[in-house]
């Protein structure tokens, strides 16, 4: 038996009705496009500027690469179902 979860009722929710999935489409945002377009060049420039050591902490590169995967269905997704509770 599933446990119902309430669906928030926000009249200003961008015209979507409850229960209709709308993907975020991060690839259409300016920050995403900037990271996607310039990440490899920026990493190479930073490493070239200081070839004796890696000037970029591993977590920074990892997080930027994961940022490019976030919201892209090809990298996986989860789907949850909640029954609509109506008063």
PDB file of N, CA and C in Angstrom:
ATOM      1  N   UNK A   1       0.846  -1.180   0.000  1.00  0.00           N
ATOM      2  CA  UNK A   1       0.000   0.000   0.000  1.00  0.00           C
ATOM      3  C   UNK A   1       0.889   1.240   0.000  1.00  0.00           C
ATOM      4  N   UNK A   2       0.594   2.170  -0.844  1.00  0.00           N
ATOM      5  CA  UNK A   2       1.396   3.380  -0.908  1.00  0.00           C
ATOM      6  C   UNK A   2       0.855   4.439   0.043  1.00  0.00           C
ATOM      7  N   UNK A   3       1.753   5.251   0.525  1.00  0.00           N
ATOM      8  CA  UNK A   3       1.377   6.343   1.408  1.00  0.00           C
ATOM      9  C   UNK A   3       1.186   7.588   0.559  1.00  0.00           C
ATOM     10  N   UNK A   4       0.005   8.190   0.629  1.00  0.00           N
ATOM     11  CA  UNK A   4      -0.213   9.373  -0.192  1.00  0.00           C
ATOM     12  C   UNK A   4       0.606  10.559   0.312  1.00  0.00           C
ATOM     13  N   UNK A   5       1.037  11.398  -0.610  1.00  0.00           N
ATOM     14  CA  UNK A   5       1.725  12.617  -0.220  1.00  0.00           C
ATOM     15  C   UNK A   5       0.980  13.792  -0.830  1.00  0.00           C
ATOM     16  N   UNK A   6       0.881  14.875  -0.110  1.00  0.00           N
ATOM     17  CA  UNK A   6       0.131  16.009  -0.618  1.00  0.00           C
ATOM     18  C   UNK A   6       0.857  16.682  -1.774  1.00  0.00           C
ATOM     19  N   UNK A   7       0.109  17.165  -2.707  1.00  0.00           N
ATOM     20  CA  UNK A   7       0.654  17.919  -3.824  1.00  0.00           C
ATOM     21  C   UNK A   7       0.486  19.393  -3.494  1.00  0.00           C
ATOM     22  N   UNK A   8       1.579  20.164  -3.461  1.00  0.00           N
ATOM     23  CA  UNK A   8       1.443  21.569  -3.140  1.00  0.00           C
ATOM     24  C   UNK A   8       0.590  22.290  -4.173  1.00  0.00           C
ATOM     25  N   UNK A   9      -0.229  23.162  -3.691  1.00  0.00           N
ATOM     26  CA  UNK A   9      -1.086  23.924  -4.589  1.00  0.00           C
ATOM     27  C   UNK A   9      -0.554  25.335  -4.667  1.00  0.00           C
ATOM     28  N   UNK A  10       0.205  25.581  -5.695  1.00  0.00           N
ATOM     29  CA  UNK A  10       0.802  26.893  -5.908  1.00  0.00           C
ATOM     30  C   UNK A  10       0.210  27.472  -7.174  1.00  0.00           C
ATOM     31  N   UNK A  11      -0.672  28.460  -7.050  1.00  0.00           N
ATOM     32  CA  UNK A  11      -1.310  28.995  -8.244  1.00  0.00           C
ATOM     33  C   UNK A  11      -0.329  29.602  -9.240  1.00  0.00           C
ATOM     34  N   UNK A  12       0.870  29.974  -8.795  1.00  0.00           N
ATOM     35  CA  UNK A  12       1.846  30.568  -9.700  1.00  0.00           C
ATOM     36  C   UNK A  12       2.892  29.580 -10.160  1.00  0.00           C
ATOM     37  N   UNK A  13       2.561  28.326 -10.291  1.00  0.00           N
ATOM     38  CA  UNK A  13       3.557  27.309 -10.624  1.00  0.00           C
ATOM     39  C   UNK A  13       3.766  27.163 -12.127  1.00  0.00           C
ATOM     40  N   UNK A  14       4.010  28.255 -12.799  1.00  0.00           N
ATOM     41  CA  UNK A  14       4.388  28.285 -14.216  1.00  0.00           C
ATOM     42  C   UNK A  14       3.406  27.571 -15.128  1.00  0.00           C
ATOM     43  N   UNK A  15       2.145  27.558 -14.764  1.00  0.00           N
ATOM     44  CA  UNK A  15       1.127  27.015 -15.643  1.00  0.00           C
ATOM     45  C   UNK A  15       1.092  25.506 -15.736  1.00  0.00           C
ATOM     46  N   UNK A  16       1.787  24.796 -14.881  1.00  0.00           N
ATOM     47  CA  UNK A  16       1.756  23.337 -14.927  1.00  0.00           C
ATOM     48  C   UNK A  16       0.721  22.833 -13.941  1.00  0.00           C
ATOM     49  N   UNK A  17       0.066  21.762 -14.293  1.00  0.00           N
ATOM     50  CA  UNK A  17      -0.895  21.175 -13.380  1.00  0.00           C
ATOM     51  C   UNK A  17      -0.202  20.140 -12.515  1.00  0.00           C
ATOM     52  N   UNK A  18      -0.707  19.906 -11.300  1.00  0.00           N
ATOM     53  CA  UNK A  18      -0.082  18.915 -10.422  1.00  0.00           C
ATOM     54  C   UNK A  18      -0.016  17.549 -11.107  1.00  0.00           C
ATOM     55  N   UNK A  19       1.076  16.865 -10.900  1.00  0.00           N
ATOM     56  CA  UNK A  19       1.239  15.531 -11.445  1.00  0.00           C
ATOM     57  C   UNK A  19       1.832  15.493 -12.846  1.00  0.00           C
ATOM     58  N   UNK A  20       2.067  16.642 -13.454  1.00  0.00           N
ATOM     59  CA  UNK A  20       2.657  16.677 -14.784  1.00  0.00           C
ATOM     60  C   UNK A  20       4.126  17.039 -14.633  1.00  0.00           C
ATOM     61  N   UNK A  21       4.981  16.124 -15.060  1.00  0.00           N
ATOM     62  CA  UNK A  21       6.424  16.321 -14.915  1.00  0.00           C
ATOM     63  C   UNK A  21       6.928  17.303 -15.956  1.00  0.00           C
ATOM     64  N   UNK A  22       7.671  18.280 -15.509  1.00  0.00           N
ATOM     65  CA  UNK A  22       8.318  19.227 -16.410  1.00  0.00           C
ATOM     66  C   UNK A  22       9.819  19.191 -16.125  1.00  0.00           C
ATOM     67  N   UNK A  23      10.598  18.712 -17.085  1.00  0.00           N
ATOM     68  CA  UNK A  23      12.040  18.626 -16.896  1.00  0.00           C
ATOM     69  C   UNK A  23      12.637  20.023 -16.811  1.00  0.00           C
ATOM     70  N   UNK A  24      13.671  20.187 -15.979  1.00  0.00           N
ATOM     71  CA  UNK A  24      14.297  21.500 -15.753  1.00  0.00           C
ATOM     72  C   UNK A  24      14.983  22.071 -16.988  1.00  0.00           C
ATOM     73  N   UNK A  25      15.530  21.248 -17.826  1.00  0.00           N
ATOM     74  CA  UNK A  25      16.290  21.660 -19.014  1.00  0.00           C
ATOM     75  C   UNK A  25      17.456  22.584 -18.663  1.00  0.00           C
ATOM     76  N   UNK A  26      18.386  22.104 -17.837  1.00  0.00           N
ATOM     77  CA  UNK A  26      19.516  22.937 -17.427  1.00  0.00           C
ATOM     78  C   UNK A  26      20.397  23.356 -18.595  1.00  0.00           C
ATOM     79  N   UNK A  27      20.419  22.558 -19.648  1.00  0.00           N
ATOM     80  CA  UNK A  27      21.275  22.877 -20.792  1.00  0.00           C
ATOM     81  C   UNK A  27      20.849  24.163 -21.497  1.00  0.00           C
ATOM     82  N   UNK A  28      19.694  24.690 -21.169  1.00  0.00           N
ATOM     83  CA  UNK A  28      19.227  25.957 -21.758  1.00  0.00           C
ATOM     84  C   UNK A  28      19.621  27.177 -20.921  1.00  0.00           C
ATOM     85  N   UNK A  29      20.227  26.963 -19.765  1.00  0.00           N
ATOM     86  CA  UNK A  29      20.572  28.092 -18.911  1.00  0.00           C
ATOM     87  C   UNK A  29      21.960  28.636 -19.253  1.00  0.00           C
ATOM     88  N   UNK A  30      22.146  29.922 -19.007  1.00  0.00           N
ATOM     89  CA  UNK A  30      23.425  30.567 -19.304  1.00  0.00           C
ATOM     90  C   UNK A  30      24.567  29.976 -18.471  1.00  0.00           C
ATOM     91  N   UNK A  31      24.391  29.770 -17.147  1.00  0.00           N
ATOM     92  CA  UNK A  31      25.505  29.192 -16.380  1.00  0.00           C
ATOM     93  C   UNK A  31      25.925  27.813 -16.904  1.00  0.00           C
ATOM     94  N   UNK A  32      24.953  26.975 -17.221  1.00  0.00           N
ATOM     95  CA  UNK A  32      25.263  25.642 -17.737  1.00  0.00           C
ATOM     96  C   UNK A  32      26.042  25.742 -19.050  1.00  0.00           C
ATOM     97  N   UNK A  33      25.564  26.586 -19.945  1.00  0.00           N
ATOM     98  CA  UNK A  33      26.221  26.734 -21.241  1.00  0.00           C
ATOM     99  C   UNK A  33      27.638  27.269 -21.089  1.00  0.00           C
ATOM    100  N   UNK A  34      27.838  28.193 -20.147  1.00  0.00           N
ATOM    101  CA  UNK A  34      29.181  28.748 -19.922  1.00  0.00           C
ATOM    102  C   UNK A  34      30.137  27.667 -19.423  1.00  0.00           C
ATOM    103  N   UNK A  35      29.690  26.873 -18.455  1.00  0.00           N
ATOM    104  CA  UNK A  35      30.549  25.798 -17.932  1.00  0.00           C
ATOM    105  C   UNK A  35      30.797  24.767 -19.021  1.00  0.00           C
ATOM    106  N   UNK A  36      29.763  24.398 -19.729  1.00  0.00           N
ATOM    107  CA  UNK A  36      29.903  23.386 -20.787  1.00  0.00           C
ATOM    108  C   UNK A  36      30.875  23.853 -21.872  1.00  0.00           C
ATOM    109  N   UNK A  37      30.784  25.100 -22.256  1.00  0.00           N
ATOM    110  CA  UNK A  37      31.609  25.607 -23.342  1.00  0.00           C
ATOM    111  C   UNK A  37      33.061  25.848 -22.931  1.00  0.00           C
ATOM    112  N   UNK A  38      33.292  26.242 -21.687  1.00  0.00           N
ATOM    113  CA  UNK A  38      34.625  26.700 -21.300  1.00  0.00           C
ATOM    114  C   UNK A  38      35.370  25.824 -20.295  1.00  0.00           C
ATOM    115  N   UNK A  39      34.753  24.779 -19.786  1.00  0.00           N
ATOM    116  CA  UNK A  39      35.382  23.978 -18.734  1.00  0.00           C
ATOM    117  C   UNK A  39      36.726  23.395 -19.169  1.00  0.00           C
ATOM    118  N   UNK A  40      36.769  22.713 -20.277  1.00  0.00           N
ATOM    119  CA  UNK A  40      38.001  22.047 -20.698  1.00  0.00           C
ATOM    120  C   UNK A  40      39.130  23.054 -20.950  1.00  0.00           C
ATOM    121  N   UNK A  41      38.792  24.167 -21.580  1.00  0.00           N
ATOM    122  CA  UNK A  41      39.793  25.199 -21.850  1.00  0.00           C
ATOM    123  C   UNK A  41      40.308  25.801 -20.556  1.00  0.00           C
ATOM    124  N   UNK A  42      39.396  26.086 -19.631  1.00  0.00           N
ATOM    125  CA  UNK A  42      39.786  26.670 -18.350  1.00  0.00           C
ATOM    126  C   UNK A  42      40.684  25.715 -17.568  1.00  0.00           C
ATOM    127  N   UNK A  43      40.321  24.444 -17.534  1.00  0.00           N
ATOM    128  CA  UNK A  43      41.149  23.450 -16.827  1.00  0.00           C
ATOM    129  C   UNK A  43      42.542  23.380 -17.449  1.00  0.00           C
ATOM    130  N   UNK A  44      42.612  23.331 -18.766  1.00  0.00           N
ATOM    131  CA  UNK A  44      43.906  23.252 -19.456  1.00  0.00           C
ATOM    132  C   UNK A  44      44.740  24.505 -19.202  1.00  0.00           C
ATOM    133  N   UNK A  45      44.107  25.674 -19.262  1.00  0.00           N
ATOM    134  CA  UNK A  45      44.831  26.933 -19.006  1.00  0.00           C
ATOM    135  C   UNK A  45      45.398  26.979 -17.588  1.00  0.00           C
ATOM    136  N   UNK A  46      44.618  26.551 -16.618  1.00  0.00           N
ATOM    137  CA  UNK A  46      45.062  26.559 -15.228  1.00  0.00           C
ATOM    138  C   UNK A  46      46.234  25.603 -15.023  1.00  0.00           C
ATOM    139  N   UNK A  47      46.150  24.453 -15.640  1.00  0.00           N
ATOM    140  CA  UNK A  47      47.231  23.459 -15.494  1.00  0.00           C
ATOM    141  C   UNK A  47      48.484  23.899 -16.232  1.00  0.00           C
ATOM    142  N   UNK A  48      48.320  24.568 -17.348  1.00  0.00           N
ATOM    143  CA  UNK A  48      49.462  25.063 -18.104  1.00  0.00           C
ATOM    144  C   UNK A  48      50.158  26.205 -17.355  1.00  0.00           C
ATOM    145  N   UNK A  49      49.400  26.992 -16.640  1.00  0.00           N
ATOM    146  CA  UNK A  49      49.960  28.123 -15.900  1.00  0.00           C
ATOM    147  C   UNK A  49      50.856  27.662 -14.752  1.00  0.00           C
ATOM    148  N   UNK A  50      50.579  26.483 -14.217  1.00  0.00           N
ATOM    149  CA  UNK A  50      51.383  25.955 -13.108  1.00  0.00           C
ATOM    150  C   UNK A  50      51.592  24.458 -13.326  1.00  0.00           C
ATOM    151  N   UNK A  51      52.488  24.088 -14.249  1.00  0.00           N
ATOM    152  CA  UNK A  51      52.669  22.673 -14.594  1.00  0.00           C
ATOM    153  C   UNK A  51      53.302  21.826 -13.480  1.00  0.00           C
ATOM    154  N   UNK A  52      53.900  22.470 -12.480  1.00  0.00           N
ATOM    155  CA  UNK A  52      54.539  21.722 -11.397  1.00  0.00           C
ATOM    156  C   UNK A  52      53.523  21.068 -10.461  1.00  0.00           C
ATOM    157  N   UNK A  53      52.358  21.632 -10.386  1.00  0.00           N
ATOM    158  CA  UNK A  53      51.311  21.053  -9.524  1.00  0.00           C
ATOM    159  C   UNK A  53      49.955  21.290 -10.179  1.00  0.00           C
ATOM    160  N   UNK A  54      48.952  20.593  -9.714  1.00  0.00           N
ATOM    161  CA  UNK A  54      47.601  20.779 -10.240  1.00  0.00           C
ATOM    162  C   UNK A  54      46.941  21.892  -9.434  1.00  0.00           C
ATOM    163  N   UNK A  55      46.761  23.065 -10.029  1.00  0.00           N
ATOM    164  CA  UNK A  55      46.227  24.203  -9.285  1.00  0.00           C
ATOM    165  C   UNK A  55      44.730  24.103  -8.987  1.00  0.00           C
ATOM    166  N   UNK A  56      44.074  23.121  -9.560  1.00  0.00           N
ATOM    167  CA  UNK A  56      42.638  22.974  -9.351  1.00  0.00           C
ATOM    168  C   UNK A  56      42.389  21.785  -8.435  1.00  0.00           C
ATOM    169  N   UNK A  57      41.781  22.026  -7.279  1.00  0.00           N
ATOM    170  CA  UNK A  57      41.473  20.897  -6.387  1.00  0.00           C
ATOM    171  C   UNK A  57      40.578  19.881  -7.093  1.00  0.00           C
ATOM    172  N   UNK A  58      40.787  18.628  -6.794  1.00  0.00           N
ATOM    173  CA  UNK A  58      40.030  17.557  -7.452  1.00  0.00           C
ATOM    174  C   UNK A  58      38.528  17.732  -7.268  1.00  0.00           C
ATOM    175  N   UNK A  59      38.111  18.212  -6.095  1.00  0.00           N
ATOM    176  CA  UNK A  59      36.675  18.350  -5.852  1.00  0.00           C
ATOM    177  C   UNK A  59      36.053  19.432  -6.753  1.00  0.00           C
ATOM    178  N   UNK A  60      36.820  20.440  -7.133  1.00  0.00           N
ATOM    179  CA  UNK A  60      36.295  21.502  -7.996  1.00  0.00           C
ATOM    180  C   UNK A  60      36.007  20.934  -9.387  1.00  0.00           C
ATOM    181  N   UNK A  61      36.982  20.228  -9.942  1.00  0.00           N
ATOM    182  CA  UNK A  61      36.765  19.622 -11.255  1.00  0.00           C
ATOM    183  C   UNK A  61      35.637  18.604 -11.204  1.00  0.00           C
ATOM    184  N   UNK A  62      35.631  17.767 -10.176  1.00  0.00           N
ATOM    185  CA  UNK A  62      34.584  16.753 -10.030  1.00  0.00           C
ATOM    186  C   UNK A  62      33.210  17.406  -9.967  1.00  0.00           C
ATOM    187  N   UNK A  63      33.072  18.448  -9.156  1.00  0.00           N
ATOM    188  CA  UNK A  63      31.770  19.094  -8.995  1.00  0.00           C
ATOM    189  C   UNK A  63      31.312  19.800 -10.262  1.00  0.00           C
ATOM    190  N   UNK A  64      32.236  20.405 -10.985  1.00  0.00           N
ATOM    191  CA  UNK A  64      31.864  21.046 -12.250  1.00  0.00           C
ATOM    192  C   UNK A  64      31.417  20.012 -13.278  1.00  0.00           C
ATOM    193  N   UNK A  65      32.088  18.880 -13.318  1.00  0.00           N
ATOM    194  CA  UNK A  65      31.681  17.823 -14.250  1.00  0.00           C
ATOM    195  C   UNK A  65      30.329  17.237 -13.852  1.00  0.00           C
ATOM    196  N   UNK A  66      30.103  17.067 -12.571  1.00  0.00           N
ATOM    197  CA  UNK A  66      28.801  16.565 -12.103  1.00  0.00           C
ATOM    198  C   UNK A  66      27.693  17.577 -12.372  1.00  0.00           C
ATOM    199  N   UNK A  67      28.028  18.857 -12.272  1.00  0.00           N
ATOM    200  CA  UNK A  67      27.052  19.906 -12.583  1.00  0.00           C
ATOM    201  C   UNK A  67      26.549  19.739 -14.016  1.00  0.00           C
ATOM    202  N   UNK A  68      27.441  19.383 -14.931  1.00  0.00           N
ATOM    203  CA  UNK A  68      27.044  19.198 -16.317  1.00  0.00           C
ATOM    204  C   UNK A  68      26.176  17.957 -16.520  1.00  0.00           C
ATOM    205  N   UNK A  69      26.187  17.040 -15.575  1.00  0.00           N
ATOM    206  CA  UNK A  69      25.358  15.832 -15.664  1.00  0.00           C
ATOM    207  C   UNK A  69      23.994  16.023 -15.009  1.00  0.00           C
ATOM    208  N   UNK A  70      23.910  16.952 -14.077  1.00  0.00           N
ATOM    209  CA  UNK A  70      22.689  17.144 -13.288  1.00  0.00           C
ATOM    210  C   UNK A  70      21.526  17.597 -14.172  1.00  0.00           C
ATOM    211  N   UNK A  71      20.441  16.874 -14.094  1.00  0.00           N
ATOM    212  CA  UNK A  71      19.256  17.227 -14.859  1.00  0.00           C
ATOM    213  C   UNK A  71      19.232  16.687 -16.275  1.00  0.00           C
ATOM    214  N   UNK A  72      20.297  16.014 -16.697  1.00  0.00           N
ATOM    215  CA  UNK A  72      20.355  15.434 -18.038  1.00  0.00           C
ATOM    216  C   UNK A  72      19.933  13.968 -17.925  1.00  0.00           C
ATOM    217  N   UNK A  73      18.840  13.625 -18.562  1.00  0.00           N
ATOM    218  CA  UNK A  73      18.264  12.287 -18.404  1.00  0.00           C
ATOM    219  C   UNK A  73      19.211  11.170 -18.832  1.00  0.00           C
ATOM    220  N   UNK A  74      20.104  11.434 -19.748  1.00  0.00           N
ATOM    221  CA  UNK A  74      21.046  10.409 -20.202  1.00  0.00           C
ATOM    222  C   UNK A  74      21.958   9.925 -19.078  1.00  0.00           C
ATOM    223  N   UNK A  75      22.113  10.718 -18.027  1.00  0.00           N
ATOM    224  CA  UNK A  75      22.964  10.339 -16.898  1.00  0.00           C
ATOM    225  C   UNK A  75      22.172   9.666 -15.782  1.00  0.00           C
ATOM    226  N   UNK A  76      20.911   9.415 -16.015  1.00  0.00           N
ATOM    227  CA  UNK A  76      20.081   8.727 -15.031  1.00  0.00           C
ATOM    228  C   UNK A  76      19.022   9.637 -14.441  1.00  0.00           C
ATOM    229  N   UNK A  77      18.017   9.012 -13.882  1.00  0.00           N
ATOM    230  CA  UNK A  77      16.937   9.764 -13.267  1.00  0.00           C
ATOM    231  C   UNK A  77      16.188   8.852 -12.315  1.00  0.00           C
ATOM    232  N   UNK A  78      15.398   9.447 -11.481  1.00  0.00           N
ATOM    233  CA  UNK A  78      14.530   8.699 -10.580  1.00  0.00           C
ATOM    234  C   UNK A  78      13.121   9.230 -10.763  1.00  0.00           C
ATOM    235  N   UNK A  79      12.174   8.354 -10.656  1.00  0.00           N
ATOM    236  CA  UNK A  79      10.788   8.773 -10.775  1.00  0.00           C
ATOM    237  C   UNK A  79      10.049   8.299  -9.545  1.00  0.00           C
ATOM    238  N   UNK A  80       9.297   9.181  -8.954  1.00  0.00           N
ATOM    239  CA  UNK A  80       8.507   8.843  -7.775  1.00  0.00           C
ATOM    240  C   UNK A  80       7.044   9.125  -8.072  1.00  0.00           C
ATOM    241  N   UNK A  81       6.183   8.389  -7.446  1.00  0.00           N
ATOM    242  CA  UNK A  81       4.753   8.574  -7.639  1.00  0.00           C
ATOM    243  C   UNK A  81       4.112   8.846  -6.301  1.00  0.00           C
ATOM    244  N   UNK A  82       3.306   9.857  -6.260  1.00  0.00           N
ATOM    245  CA  UNK A  82       2.530  10.176  -5.064  1.00  0.00           C
ATOM    246  C   UNK A  82       1.066  10.251  -5.454  1.00  0.00           C
ATOM    247  N   UNK A  83       0.236   9.626  -4.639  1.00  0.00           N
ATOM    248  CA  UNK A  83      -1.195   9.764  -4.877  1.00  0.00           C
ATOM    249  C   UNK A  83      -1.598  11.168  -4.449  1.00  0.00           C
ATOM    250  N   UNK A  84      -2.499  11.759  -5.199  1.00  0.00           N
ATOM    251  CA  UNK A  84      -2.976  13.099  -4.885  1.00  0.00           C
ATOM    252  C   UNK A  84      -3.998  12.986  -3.766  1.00  0.00           C
ATOM    253  N   UNK A  85      -3.782  13.752  -2.700  1.00  0.00           N
ATOM    254  CA  UNK A  85      -4.705  13.758  -1.574  1.00  0.00           C
ATOM    255  C   UNK A  85      -5.593  14.993  -1.719  1.00  0.00           C
ATOM    256  N   UNK A  86      -6.848  14.788  -1.857  1.00  0.00           N
ATOM    257  CA  UNK A  86      -7.805  15.897  -1.995  1.00  0.00           C
ATOM    258  C   UNK A  86      -8.636  15.970  -0.714  1.00  0.00           C
ATOM    259  N   UNK A  87      -8.771  17.150  -0.171  1.00  0.00           N
ATOM    260  CA  UNK A  87      -9.590  17.295   1.065  1.00  0.00           C
ATOM    261  C   UNK A  87     -11.062  17.058   0.814  1.00  0.00           C
TER     262      UNK A  87
END
